[in-house]
């Protein structure tokens, strides 16, 4: 019934969040990775918003994603720029790649898309196992989405070939106790007033408290954890609408 970042969702993502589009994260990650000489992994690389600029910068970055549509888009965009990406279709909790990485990055709250809390812990363990000693995990979290139960929001985009894509978003579940929300996203593609394609996506987010997530990282063995707010390194969070970045080290 539900799709997950399928064809229409990928088209919208490519229009709405093109390569190099930044929320402040691209500049922040460039700076934090500046001295990294080895391999970097971006789980949830998507269609390459962050992945491609870092690849263009000369970083030895690889990507994984569960969406074949997103990965196809990323490969196409890389081909247009003369780049040779290393991309794998896999989940964050189950991927197995040869060798180790000097850094693993998840910008823009990508980690929150793991709905099952046990799976999210497995993913963090997997990241830990794939890091070199002294390697760093850097990821963003949004603390809590706004409660907008049963409100409907509609957005519209025009594609390069003059189709119209509309997206209707309706939050159908929200629990402070269980720390999750679920929104249904309905994509429709139109040409000359006629509907040609449609998709329904279940968009779930599982969120965490700042101290809670720090404790999870520590329990898994990470050390030297630095918490930053709104892409200012080391700035302490002040309110729950800020983007929080965790940087943690696998000890030597």
C-alpha atoms as a PDB file:
ATOM      1  CA  UNK A   1       0.000   0.000   0.000  1.00  0.00           C
ATOM      2  CA  UNK A   2       2.712   2.461   0.997  1.00  0.00           C
ATOM      3  CA  UNK A   3       5.761   3.444  -1.002  1.00  0.00           C
ATOM      4  CA  UNK A   4       9.051   4.605   0.475  1.00  0.00           C
ATOM      5  CA  UNK A   5      10.890   7.314  -1.449  1.00  0.00           C
ATOM      6  CA  UNK A   6       9.662   5.949  -4.761  1.00  0.00           C
ATOM      7  CA  UNK A   7       9.551   7.659  -8.159  1.00  0.00           C
ATOM      8  CA  UNK A   8       7.421  10.726  -7.404  1.00  0.00           C
ATOM      9  CA  UNK A   9       8.975  11.305  -3.984  1.00  0.00           C
ATOM     10  CA  UNK A  10      12.394  11.245  -5.628  1.00  0.00           C
ATOM     11  CA  UNK A  11      11.297  13.713  -8.325  1.00  0.00           C
ATOM     12  CA  UNK A  12      10.056  16.095  -5.633  1.00  0.00           C
ATOM     13  CA  UNK A  13      13.232  15.675  -3.608  1.00  0.00           C
ATOM     14  CA  UNK A  14      15.376  16.461  -6.642  1.00  0.00           C
ATOM     15  CA  UNK A  15      13.415  19.662  -7.312  1.00  0.00           C
ATOM     16  CA  UNK A  16      12.983  20.792  -3.717  1.00  0.00           C
ATOM     17  CA  UNK A  17      16.418  19.798  -2.388  1.00  0.00           C
ATOM     18  CA  UNK A  18      18.855  19.976  -5.312  1.00  0.00           C
ATOM     19  CA  UNK A  19      22.525  19.036  -5.140  1.00  0.00           C
ATOM     20  CA  UNK A  20      24.306  21.433  -2.810  1.00  0.00           C
ATOM     21  CA  UNK A  21      21.138  22.745  -1.158  1.00  0.00           C
ATOM     22  CA  UNK A  22      22.063  23.447   2.456  1.00  0.00           C
ATOM     23  CA  UNK A  23      20.256  23.907   5.742  1.00  0.00           C
ATOM     24  CA  UNK A  24      23.583  24.993   7.183  1.00  0.00           C
ATOM     25  CA  UNK A  25      24.589  21.338   7.353  1.00  0.00           C
ATOM     26  CA  UNK A  26      26.728  21.162   4.213  1.00  0.00           C
ATOM     27  CA  UNK A  27      29.099  23.889   5.372  1.00  0.00           C
ATOM     28  CA  UNK A  28      29.220  22.401   8.878  1.00  0.00           C
ATOM     29  CA  UNK A  29      30.043  18.880   7.663  1.00  0.00           C
ATOM     30  CA  UNK A  30      32.666  20.170   5.246  1.00  0.00           C
ATOM     31  CA  UNK A  31      34.429  21.866   8.145  1.00  0.00           C
ATOM     32  CA  UNK A  32      34.154  18.893  10.506  1.00  0.00           C
ATOM     33  CA  UNK A  33      35.519  16.541   7.814  1.00  0.00           C
ATOM     34  CA  UNK A  34      38.273  18.888   6.678  1.00  0.00           C
ATOM     35  CA  UNK A  35      41.127  16.775   8.069  1.00  0.00           C
ATOM     36  CA  UNK A  36      39.690  13.376   7.163  1.00  0.00           C
ATOM     37  CA  UNK A  37      41.978  11.548   4.742  1.00  0.00           C
ATOM     38  CA  UNK A  38      40.316   8.122   4.703  1.00  0.00           C
ATOM     39  CA  UNK A  39      36.961   6.729   3.669  1.00  0.00           C
ATOM     40  CA  UNK A  40      33.692   8.407   4.649  1.00  0.00           C
ATOM     41  CA  UNK A  41      30.230   6.808   4.603  1.00  0.00           C
ATOM     42  CA  UNK A  42      26.883   8.572   4.293  1.00  0.00           C
ATOM     43  CA  UNK A  43      24.010   6.241   5.215  1.00  0.00           C
ATOM     44  CA  UNK A  44      20.803   7.630   3.717  1.00  0.00           C
ATOM     45  CA  UNK A  45      22.694   9.395   0.941  1.00  0.00           C
ATOM     46  CA  UNK A  46      19.478   9.781  -1.054  1.00  0.00           C
ATOM     47  CA  UNK A  47      19.825  11.518  -4.409  1.00  0.00           C
ATOM     48  CA  UNK A  48      23.061  13.228  -3.411  1.00  0.00           C
ATOM     49  CA  UNK A  49      22.198  16.618  -1.911  1.00  0.00           C
ATOM     50  CA  UNK A  50      25.195  16.390   0.457  1.00  0.00           C
ATOM     51  CA  UNK A  51      26.949  13.332  -0.959  1.00  0.00           C
ATOM     52  CA  UNK A  52      27.746  14.842  -4.363  1.00  0.00           C
ATOM     53  CA  UNK A  53      29.272  18.139  -3.115  1.00  0.00           C
ATOM     54  CA  UNK A  54      31.528  16.187  -0.742  1.00  0.00           C
ATOM     55  CA  UNK A  55      32.522  13.850  -3.570  1.00  0.00           C
ATOM     56  CA  UNK A  56      33.299  16.900  -5.716  1.00  0.00           C
ATOM     57  CA  UNK A  57      35.441  18.237  -2.873  1.00  0.00           C
ATOM     58  CA  UNK A  58      37.666  15.187  -3.226  1.00  0.00           C
ATOM     59  CA  UNK A  59      36.522  13.219  -0.190  1.00  0.00           C
ATOM     60  CA  UNK A  60      36.584   9.415  -0.489  1.00  0.00           C
ATOM     61  CA  UNK A  61      32.890   9.217   0.336  1.00  0.00           C
ATOM     62  CA  UNK A  62      30.571   6.271  -0.206  1.00  0.00           C
ATOM     63  CA  UNK A  63      26.817   6.115   0.242  1.00  0.00           C
ATOM     64  CA  UNK A  64      24.048   3.684   1.095  1.00  0.00           C
ATOM     65  CA  UNK A  65      20.278   4.033   0.849  1.00  0.00           C
ATOM     66  CA  UNK A  66      17.240   1.754   0.893  1.00  0.00           C
ATOM     67  CA  UNK A  67      15.569   3.527  -2.063  1.00  0.00           C
ATOM     68  CA  UNK A  68      16.619   2.331  -5.540  1.00  0.00           C
ATOM     69  CA  UNK A  69      14.926   5.416  -7.031  1.00  0.00           C
ATOM     70  CA  UNK A  70      17.027   7.758  -4.908  1.00  0.00           C
ATOM     71  CA  UNK A  71      20.210   5.873  -5.732  1.00  0.00           C
ATOM     72  CA  UNK A  72      19.426   5.916  -9.464  1.00  0.00           C
ATOM     73  CA  UNK A  73      18.942   9.678  -9.278  1.00  0.00           C
ATOM     74  CA  UNK A  74      22.230  10.070  -7.409  1.00  0.00           C
ATOM     75  CA  UNK A  75      24.082   8.003 -10.014  1.00  0.00           C
ATOM     76  CA  UNK A  76      22.564  10.067 -12.830  1.00  0.00           C
ATOM     77  CA  UNK A  77      23.542  13.324 -11.189  1.00  0.00           C
ATOM     78  CA  UNK A  78      27.073  12.016 -10.627  1.00  0.00           C
ATOM     79  CA  UNK A  79      27.329  10.943 -14.265  1.00  0.00           C
ATOM     80  CA  UNK A  80      26.280  14.447 -15.369  1.00  0.00           C
ATOM     81  CA  UNK A  81      29.174  15.848 -13.331  1.00  0.00           C
ATOM     82  CA  UNK A  82      31.764  13.289 -14.392  1.00  0.00           C
ATOM     83  CA  UNK A  83      31.910  11.692 -10.940  1.00  0.00           C
ATOM     84  CA  UNK A  84      32.319   8.023 -10.040  1.00  0.00           C
ATOM     85  CA  UNK A  85      30.152   7.307  -6.997  1.00  0.00           C
ATOM     86  CA  UNK A  86      30.321   4.267  -4.737  1.00  0.00           C
ATOM     87  CA  UNK A  87      26.707   3.554  -3.797  1.00  0.00           C
ATOM     88  CA  UNK A  88      25.019   0.513  -2.246  1.00  0.00           C
ATOM     89  CA  UNK A  89      21.360  -0.326  -1.711  1.00  0.00           C
ATOM     90  CA  UNK A  90      21.145  -1.356   1.936  1.00  0.00           C
ATOM     91  CA  UNK A  91      19.600  -0.451   5.281  1.00  0.00           C
ATOM     92  CA  UNK A  92      21.484   1.331   8.053  1.00  0.00           C
ATOM     93  CA  UNK A  93      21.079  -1.556  10.471  1.00  0.00           C
ATOM     94  CA  UNK A  94      22.054  -4.379   8.140  1.00  0.00           C
ATOM     95  CA  UNK A  95      24.665  -3.087   5.662  1.00  0.00           C
ATOM     96  CA  UNK A  96      28.003  -4.891   5.602  1.00  0.00           C
ATOM     97  CA  UNK A  97      30.808  -3.202   3.693  1.00  0.00           C
ATOM     98  CA  UNK A  98      34.464  -4.215   3.408  1.00  0.00           C
ATOM     99  CA  UNK A  99      37.026  -2.235   5.361  1.00  0.00           C
ATOM    100  CA  UNK A 100      36.484   0.577   7.838  1.00  0.00           C
ATOM    101  CA  UNK A 101      35.524   4.231   7.609  1.00  0.00           C
ATOM    102  CA  UNK A 102      37.216   7.216   9.177  1.00  0.00           C
ATOM    103  CA  UNK A 103      33.881   9.035   9.452  1.00  0.00           C
ATOM    104  CA  UNK A 104      30.179   8.189   9.140  1.00  0.00           C
ATOM    105  CA  UNK A 105      27.784  11.103   8.629  1.00  0.00           C
ATOM    106  CA  UNK A 106      23.990  11.498   8.712  1.00  0.00           C
ATOM    107  CA  UNK A 107      22.957  15.111   8.052  1.00  0.00           C
ATOM    108  CA  UNK A 108      19.469  16.624   8.289  1.00  0.00           C
ATOM    109  CA  UNK A 109      17.849  14.189  10.722  1.00  0.00           C
ATOM    110  CA  UNK A 110      18.104  11.159   8.437  1.00  0.00           C
ATOM    111  CA  UNK A 111      18.619   8.882  11.449  1.00  0.00           C
ATOM    112  CA  UNK A 112      15.106   9.721  12.714  1.00  0.00           C
ATOM    113  CA  UNK A 113      13.627   7.812   9.767  1.00  0.00           C
ATOM    114  CA  UNK A 114      14.425   4.524  11.528  1.00  0.00           C
ATOM    115  CA  UNK A 115      11.040   3.967  13.114  1.00  0.00           C
ATOM    116  CA  UNK A 116      11.789   0.932  15.271  1.00  0.00           C
ATOM    117  CA  UNK A 117      13.924   1.856  18.293  1.00  0.00           C
ATOM    118  CA  UNK A 118      15.617  -1.547  18.448  1.00  0.00           C
ATOM    119  CA  UNK A 119      16.580  -1.207  14.793  1.00  0.00           C
ATOM    120  CA  UNK A 120      18.019   2.247  15.472  1.00  0.00           C
ATOM    121  CA  UNK A 121      20.270   0.771  18.175  1.00  0.00           C
ATOM    122  CA  UNK A 122      21.352  -1.963  15.735  1.00  0.00           C
ATOM    123  CA  UNK A 123      22.179   0.772  13.221  1.00  0.00           C
ATOM    124  CA  UNK A 124      24.347   2.626  15.750  1.00  0.00           C
ATOM    125  CA  UNK A 125      26.128  -0.630  16.593  1.00  0.00           C
ATOM    126  CA  UNK A 126      26.665  -1.198  12.878  1.00  0.00           C
ATOM    127  CA  UNK A 127      28.141   2.283  12.494  1.00  0.00           C
ATOM    128  CA  UNK A 128      30.453   1.613  15.431  1.00  0.00           C
ATOM    129  CA  UNK A 129      31.653  -1.654  13.905  1.00  0.00           C
ATOM    130  CA  UNK A 130      32.341   0.017  10.552  1.00  0.00           C
ATOM    131  CA  UNK A 131      34.433   2.848  12.024  1.00  0.00           C
ATOM    132  CA  UNK A 132      38.195   2.796  12.358  1.00  0.00           C
ATOM    133  CA  UNK A 133      39.625   3.265  15.843  1.00  0.00           C
ATOM    134  CA  UNK A 134      39.554   7.012  16.346  1.00  0.00           C
ATOM    135  CA  UNK A 135      36.866   7.311  13.660  1.00  0.00           C
ATOM    136  CA  UNK A 136      33.928   9.662  14.137  1.00  0.00           C
ATOM    137  CA  UNK A 137      30.166   9.394  13.876  1.00  0.00           C
ATOM    138  CA  UNK A 138      28.473  12.741  13.103  1.00  0.00           C
ATOM    139  CA  UNK A 139      24.691  12.903  12.887  1.00  0.00           C
ATOM    140  CA  UNK A 140      21.832  15.373  13.238  1.00  0.00           C
ATOM    141  CA  UNK A 141      18.622  15.032  15.234  1.00  0.00           C
ATOM    142  CA  UNK A 142      15.509  17.173  15.367  1.00  0.00           C
ATOM    143  CA  UNK A 143      14.150  16.930  18.885  1.00  0.00           C
ATOM    144  CA  UNK A 144      10.398  16.885  18.314  1.00  0.00           C
ATOM    145  CA  UNK A 145       8.218  17.650  15.280  1.00  0.00           C
ATOM    146  CA  UNK A 146       5.301  20.006  15.743  1.00  0.00           C
ATOM    147  CA  UNK A 147       1.989  18.390  16.640  1.00  0.00           C
ATOM    148  CA  UNK A 148      -0.383  18.973  13.704  1.00  0.00           C
ATOM    149  CA  UNK A 149      -2.746  16.006  13.940  1.00  0.00           C
ATOM    150  CA  UNK A 150      -5.228  15.696  11.052  1.00  0.00           C
ATOM    151  CA  UNK A 151      -4.254  19.026   9.537  1.00  0.00           C
ATOM    152  CA  UNK A 152      -3.703  18.841   5.775  1.00  0.00           C
ATOM    153  CA  UNK A 153      -0.889  20.736   4.044  1.00  0.00           C
ATOM    154  CA  UNK A 154      -0.448  20.832   0.270  1.00  0.00           C
ATOM    155  CA  UNK A 155       2.666  21.698  -1.725  1.00  0.00           C
ATOM    156  CA  UNK A 156       3.116  21.969  -5.506  1.00  0.00           C
ATOM    157  CA  UNK A 157       6.123  21.647  -7.807  1.00  0.00           C
ATOM    158  CA  UNK A 158       6.598  21.955 -11.580  1.00  0.00           C
ATOM    159  CA  UNK A 159       8.866  19.359 -13.159  1.00  0.00           C
ATOM    160  CA  UNK A 160      11.425  20.164 -15.887  1.00  0.00           C
ATOM    161  CA  UNK A 161       9.060  18.561 -18.446  1.00  0.00           C
ATOM    162  CA  UNK A 162       6.148  20.822 -17.362  1.00  0.00           C
ATOM    163  CA  UNK A 163       4.237  18.299 -15.280  1.00  0.00           C
ATOM    164  CA  UNK A 164       2.778  19.344 -11.952  1.00  0.00           C
ATOM    165  CA  UNK A 165       3.381  17.287  -8.809  1.00  0.00           C
ATOM    166  CA  UNK A 166       1.274  17.948  -5.728  1.00  0.00           C
ATOM    167  CA  UNK A 167       1.949  16.545  -2.274  1.00  0.00           C
ATOM    168  CA  UNK A 168      -0.713  16.378   0.425  1.00  0.00           C
ATOM    169  CA  UNK A 169       0.657  15.829   3.938  1.00  0.00           C
ATOM    170  CA  UNK A 170      -1.517  14.748   6.866  1.00  0.00           C
ATOM    171  CA  UNK A 171      -0.142  13.845  10.284  1.00  0.00           C
ATOM    172  CA  UNK A 172      -2.140  10.841  11.514  1.00  0.00           C
ATOM    173  CA  UNK A 173      -0.232   9.780  14.656  1.00  0.00           C
ATOM    174  CA  UNK A 174       1.699  11.707  17.294  1.00  0.00           C
ATOM    175  CA  UNK A 175       2.873  10.443  20.686  1.00  0.00           C
ATOM    176  CA  UNK A 176       5.027  12.373  23.148  1.00  0.00           C
ATOM    177  CA  UNK A 177       5.102   9.306  25.393  1.00  0.00           C
ATOM    178  CA  UNK A 178       6.411   6.982  22.664  1.00  0.00           C
ATOM    179  CA  UNK A 179       8.384   9.763  20.920  1.00  0.00           C
ATOM    180  CA  UNK A 180       7.173   9.249  17.383  1.00  0.00           C
ATOM    181  CA  UNK A 181       4.961  10.742  14.697  1.00  0.00           C
ATOM    182  CA  UNK A 182       3.466   9.373  11.469  1.00  0.00           C
ATOM    183  CA  UNK A 183       2.471  11.485   8.488  1.00  0.00           C
ATOM    184  CA  UNK A 184       0.838  10.270   5.284  1.00  0.00           C
ATOM    185  CA  UNK A 185       2.240  11.889   2.134  1.00  0.00           C
ATOM    186  CA  UNK A 186       0.130  11.616  -1.018  1.00  0.00           C
ATOM    187  CA  UNK A 187       1.956  12.494  -4.239  1.00  0.00           C
ATOM    188  CA  UNK A 188       0.034  13.115  -7.476  1.00  0.00           C
ATOM    189  CA  UNK A 189       1.491  13.932 -10.889  1.00  0.00           C
ATOM    190  CA  UNK A 190      -0.618  15.909 -13.369  1.00  0.00           C
ATOM    191  CA  UNK A 191      -0.372  16.866 -17.042  1.00  0.00           C
ATOM    192  CA  UNK A 192      -2.976  19.023 -18.801  1.00  0.00           C
ATOM    193  CA  UNK A 193      -5.382  18.555 -15.913  1.00  0.00           C
ATOM    194  CA  UNK A 194      -5.151  14.758 -15.994  1.00  0.00           C
ATOM    195  CA  UNK A 195      -3.721  12.587 -13.208  1.00  0.00           C
ATOM    196  CA  UNK A 196      -0.968  10.330 -14.530  1.00  0.00           C
ATOM    197  CA  UNK A 197       0.710   8.912 -11.409  1.00  0.00           C
ATOM    198  CA  UNK A 198       0.119   8.725  -7.674  1.00  0.00           C
ATOM    199  CA  UNK A 199       1.992   7.446  -4.611  1.00  0.00           C
ATOM    200  CA  UNK A 200       1.187   7.180  -0.923  1.00  0.00           C
ATOM    201  CA  UNK A 201       4.078   7.276   1.531  1.00  0.00           C
ATOM    202  CA  UNK A 202       4.004   6.561   5.257  1.00  0.00           C
ATOM    203  CA  UNK A 203       6.508   9.010   6.733  1.00  0.00           C
ATOM    204  CA  UNK A 204       7.396   8.019  10.296  1.00  0.00           C
ATOM    205  CA  UNK A 205       9.839   9.768  12.627  1.00  0.00           C
ATOM    206  CA  UNK A 206      11.208   8.472  15.927  1.00  0.00           C
ATOM    207  CA  UNK A 207      12.784  11.195  18.022  1.00  0.00           C
ATOM    208  CA  UNK A 208      15.102  11.321  21.051  1.00  0.00           C
ATOM    209  CA  UNK A 209      16.023  13.592  23.924  1.00  0.00           C
ATOM    210  CA  UNK A 210      19.516  15.089  23.994  1.00  0.00           C
ATOM    211  CA  UNK A 211      20.653  13.358  27.189  1.00  0.00           C
ATOM    212  CA  UNK A 212      18.897  10.138  26.165  1.00  0.00           C
ATOM    213  CA  UNK A 213      20.772   9.919  22.870  1.00  0.00           C
ATOM    214  CA  UNK A 214      24.093  10.783  24.519  1.00  0.00           C
ATOM    215  CA  UNK A 215      23.572   7.907  26.971  1.00  0.00           C
ATOM    216  CA  UNK A 216      22.793   5.516  24.090  1.00  0.00           C
ATOM    217  CA  UNK A 217      26.032   6.480  22.335  1.00  0.00           C
ATOM    218  CA  UNK A 218      28.036   6.074  25.548  1.00  0.00           C
ATOM    219  CA  UNK A 219      26.521   2.663  26.248  1.00  0.00           C
ATOM    220  CA  UNK A 220      27.556   1.503  22.774  1.00  0.00           C
ATOM    221  CA  UNK A 221      31.149   2.530  23.461  1.00  0.00           C
ATOM    222  CA  UNK A 222      31.421   5.973  21.875  1.00  0.00           C
ATOM    223  CA  UNK A 223      33.471   8.597  23.698  1.00  0.00           C
ATOM    224  CA  UNK A 224      34.400  12.295  23.375  1.00  0.00           C
ATOM    225  CA  UNK A 225      30.814  13.203  22.517  1.00  0.00           C
ATOM    226  CA  UNK A 226      30.296  16.812  21.446  1.00  0.00           C
ATOM    227  CA  UNK A 227      26.751  18.183  21.157  1.00  0.00           C
ATOM    228  CA  UNK A 228      26.181  21.215  18.908  1.00  0.00           C
ATOM    229  CA  UNK A 229      23.082  23.273  18.155  1.00  0.00           C
ATOM    230  CA  UNK A 230      22.138  24.737  14.762  1.00  0.00           C
ATOM    231  CA  UNK A 231      25.458  23.820  13.144  1.00  0.00           C
ATOM    232  CA  UNK A 232      27.597  25.866  15.513  1.00  0.00           C
ATOM    233  CA  UNK A 233      30.227  23.480  16.840  1.00  0.00           C
ATOM    234  CA  UNK A 234      30.010  23.044  20.603  1.00  0.00           C
ATOM    235  CA  UNK A 235      27.092  25.471  21.049  1.00  0.00           C
ATOM    236  CA  UNK A 236      24.793  24.178  23.782  1.00  0.00           C
ATOM    237  CA  UNK A 237      21.131  23.607  22.798  1.00  0.00           C
ATOM    238  CA  UNK A 238      18.768  26.276  24.121  1.00  0.00           C
ATOM    239  CA  UNK A 239      15.322  25.192  22.891  1.00  0.00           C
ATOM    240  CA  UNK A 240      13.573  22.226  21.275  1.00  0.00           C
ATOM    241  CA  UNK A 241      13.275  23.693  17.774  1.00  0.00           C
ATOM    242  CA  UNK A 242      17.012  23.590  17.142  1.00  0.00           C
ATOM    243  CA  UNK A 243      18.819  21.005  15.054  1.00  0.00           C
ATOM    244  CA  UNK A 244      21.160  19.067  17.321  1.00  0.00           C
ATOM    245  CA  UNK A 245      24.351  17.482  16.002  1.00  0.00           C
ATOM    246  CA  UNK A 246      26.157  14.713  17.851  1.00  0.00           C
ATOM    247  CA  UNK A 247      29.810  13.979  17.135  1.00  0.00           C
ATOM    248  CA  UNK A 248      31.182  10.863  18.803  1.00  0.00           C
ATOM    249  CA  UNK A 249      34.448   8.942  18.589  1.00  0.00           C
ATOM    250  CA  UNK A 250      35.189   5.222  18.503  1.00  0.00           C
ATOM    251  CA  UNK A 251      38.078   5.009  20.996  1.00  0.00           C
ATOM    252  CA  UNK A 252      41.498   3.765  19.973  1.00  0.00           C
END
